[in-house]
Each structure stands twice: as structure tokens, then as C-alpha cells.
Amino acid sequence: MAGLEEAVLRPWCADFFARRFAGRLFTFTRALLSAFTGAGYQPWIVSASPKWIVEAGAAALGVTRVIAVDCELEAGRLTTRVKQPVPAGQGKVALLEAAGQRPVFAAGNGALDLPMLEF
């Protein structure tokens, strides 16, 4: 995605999410997030996917706190320089700690989530 303007990428991702993924969310997700929010918890999404598409999905769920793969920008355009650590494996833990967060509940879908689940 290097070279793309971030201001153009954001609406593209929002449109793509709405067309391709909005109907594929697990049915229990909104109710679960609502229950946590109602109990005073702040939901976060931590993903090893590019932040722009994750933020589009998070917005559809009403979640504003996202940790995802990010890169440096030059003049509003994405570069090839990925910010470290990447939020995968132990990187998820490092980024949560840097944000001052420790999960009280976490869910994952793969081996790269295990360090966060153990955290």
C-alpha cells in the first residue's frame, strides 16, 4: 500500500468493509461489546491486519480503540516503513503495555494471539 494517500485509503477501507465484511461479523459480537461497555470496560481491538481496514470494522462495532499494523507517513502517503513492534505474537503484549492496558478479557483466532491471551 506504499504510496497511497491515507486520506484516500480510509474511505476506501470503510466502503470495502461495508460491502464485504459487515455482514460477516459474528452475531454475538455487538451484544458482547455492549455488555462490556455497559459494565464500564473499554473495548480494544488488537490486530495484525492493516490499521485502516481494522478501524473501519471497529467503527462499525462502535469501538474507537485500535491497535493494528501501521506505517510511517510522508506527506500524507503510506511508506514501506512499518512501525514496530508489529501487533502479532509478543508484539500485541508490548503494544498493550505501551498503551497502559492489561486485558480483563481477550479473544483470539490463532497462535499469534496466544501471548496476548496469556497476558
Protein backbone atom coordinates (compact mmCIF):
# COMPACT_ATOMS: atom_id res chain seq x y z
CA MET A 1 0.00 0.00 0.00
CA ALA A 2 3.08 2.23 -0.02
CA GLY A 3 2.42 5.44 -1.88
CA LEU A 4 -1.31 5.56 -1.22
CA GLU A 5 -2.69 8.70 0.34
CA GLU A 6 -4.03 7.92 3.80
CA ALA A 7 -6.92 10.36 3.22
CA VAL A 8 -7.98 8.26 0.21
CA LEU A 9 -7.32 4.89 1.84
CA ARG A 10 -9.61 5.49 4.82
CA PRO A 11 -12.85 5.89 2.83
CA TRP A 12 -11.83 3.02 0.54
CA CYS A 13 -11.47 0.77 3.57
CA ALA A 14 -14.77 1.93 5.06
CA ASP A 15 -16.52 1.16 1.77
CA PHE A 16 -14.77 -2.19 1.36
CA PHE A 17 -15.64 -3.24 4.91
CA ALA A 18 -19.27 -2.24 4.44
CA ARG A 19 -19.55 -4.20 1.19
CA ARG A 20 -17.51 -7.29 2.03
CA PHE A 21 -17.34 -7.82 5.78
CA ALA A 22 -20.13 -6.02 7.66
CA GLY A 23 -22.49 -8.95 7.15
CA ARG A 24 -19.85 -11.46 8.27
CA LEU A 25 -19.46 -10.25 11.86
CA PHE A 26 -20.27 -12.89 14.45
CA THR A 27 -23.81 -12.26 15.66
CA PHE A 28 -22.81 -12.19 19.33
CA THR A 29 -20.12 -9.52 18.85
CA ARG A 30 -22.25 -6.40 19.23
CA ALA A 31 -24.08 -7.76 22.30
CA LEU A 32 -20.79 -8.80 23.93
CA LEU A 33 -19.19 -5.41 23.29
CA SER A 34 -22.30 -3.66 24.57
CA ALA A 35 -22.24 -5.74 27.75
CA PHE A 36 -18.60 -4.89 28.40
CA THR A 37 -19.15 -1.20 27.69
CA GLY A 38 -22.24 -1.18 29.94
CA ALA A 39 -20.14 -2.70 32.72
CA GLY A 40 -17.62 0.14 32.43
CA TYR A 41 -14.94 -1.59 30.32
CA GLN A 42 -13.33 0.00 27.27
CA PRO A 43 -13.15 -2.41 24.33
CA TRP A 44 -9.98 -2.51 22.25
CA ILE A 45 -9.30 -4.35 19.02
CA VAL A 46 -5.74 -5.61 18.61
CA SER A 47 -4.99 -6.99 15.17
CA ALA A 48 -2.10 -7.98 12.93
CA SER A 49 -4.06 -6.60 9.96
CA PRO A 50 -3.56 -3.11 8.48
CA LYS A 51 -4.99 -0.46 10.77
CA TRP A 52 -7.13 1.22 8.10
CA ILE A 53 -9.37 -1.80 7.48
CA VAL A 54 -9.40 -2.71 11.19
CA GLU A 55 -10.50 0.83 12.08
CA ALA A 56 -13.33 0.56 9.54
CA GLY A 57 -14.54 -2.64 11.21
CA ALA A 58 -14.06 -1.23 14.68
CA ALA A 59 -16.16 1.82 13.77
CA ALA A 60 -18.96 -0.49 12.62
CA LEU A 61 -18.88 -2.03 16.10
CA GLY A 62 -18.61 1.29 17.93
CA VAL A 63 -15.04 0.59 19.06
CA THR A 64 -12.65 3.54 18.94
CA ARG A 65 -9.51 1.99 20.42
CA VAL A 66 -7.50 0.05 17.84
CA ILE A 67 -4.01 -1.36 17.75
CA ALA A 68 -3.09 -2.71 14.31
CA VAL A 69 -0.29 -2.76 11.77
CA ASP A 70 0.72 0.80 10.97
CA CYS A 71 3.42 2.52 8.95
CA GLU A 72 5.13 5.85 8.77
CA LEU A 73 3.67 8.52 6.53
CA GLU A 74 5.41 11.01 4.25
CA ALA A 75 3.34 13.97 3.06
CA GLY A 76 0.17 12.04 3.92
CA ARG A 77 1.22 8.93 1.95
CA LEU A 78 1.98 5.49 3.33
CA THR A 79 5.60 4.37 3.21
CA THR A 80 7.21 0.93 3.36
CA ARG A 81 8.44 1.62 6.92
CA VAL A 82 6.22 -0.48 9.20
CA LYS A 83 6.05 0.74 12.79
CA GLN A 84 7.49 -1.67 15.33
CA PRO A 85 6.61 -3.79 17.10
CA VAL A 86 4.11 -5.37 14.75
CA PRO A 87 0.96 -6.37 16.70
CA ALA A 88 1.44 -10.11 16.34
CA GLY A 89 2.57 -12.56 18.99
CA GLN A 90 4.53 -10.82 21.72
CA GLY A 91 4.13 -7.53 19.82
CA LYS A 92 0.47 -7.44 20.88
CA VAL A 93 1.53 -7.58 24.53
CA ALA A 94 4.20 -4.91 24.05
CA LEU A 95 1.75 -2.52 22.38
CA LEU A 96 -0.95 -3.11 25.00
CA GLU A 97 1.60 -2.41 27.74
CA ALA A 98 2.75 0.74 25.91
CA ALA A 99 -0.90 1.88 25.86
CA GLY A 100 -1.17 1.21 29.61
CA GLN A 101 -3.65 -1.63 29.07
CA ARG A 102 -3.98 -5.10 30.52
CA PRO A 103 -6.92 -7.13 29.23
CA VAL A 104 -9.55 -8.43 31.62
CA PHE A 105 -10.99 -10.44 28.72
CA ALA A 106 -9.37 -11.32 25.42
CA ALA A 107 -10.30 -13.45 22.45
CA GLY A 108 -8.24 -14.55 19.51
CA ASN A 109 -8.30 -16.66 16.39
CA GLY A 110 -4.80 -18.00 16.02
CA ALA A 111 -1.45 -18.88 17.52
CA LEU A 112 -0.20 -15.28 17.20
CA ASP A 113 -2.85 -14.30 19.77
CA LEU A 114 -1.58 -16.69 22.45
CA PRO A 115 0.85 -14.23 24.14
CA MET A 116 -1.98 -11.67 24.45
CA LEU A 117 -4.36 -14.31 25.82
CA GLU A 118 -1.75 -15.38 28.38
CA PHE A 119 -1.08 -11.72 29.28
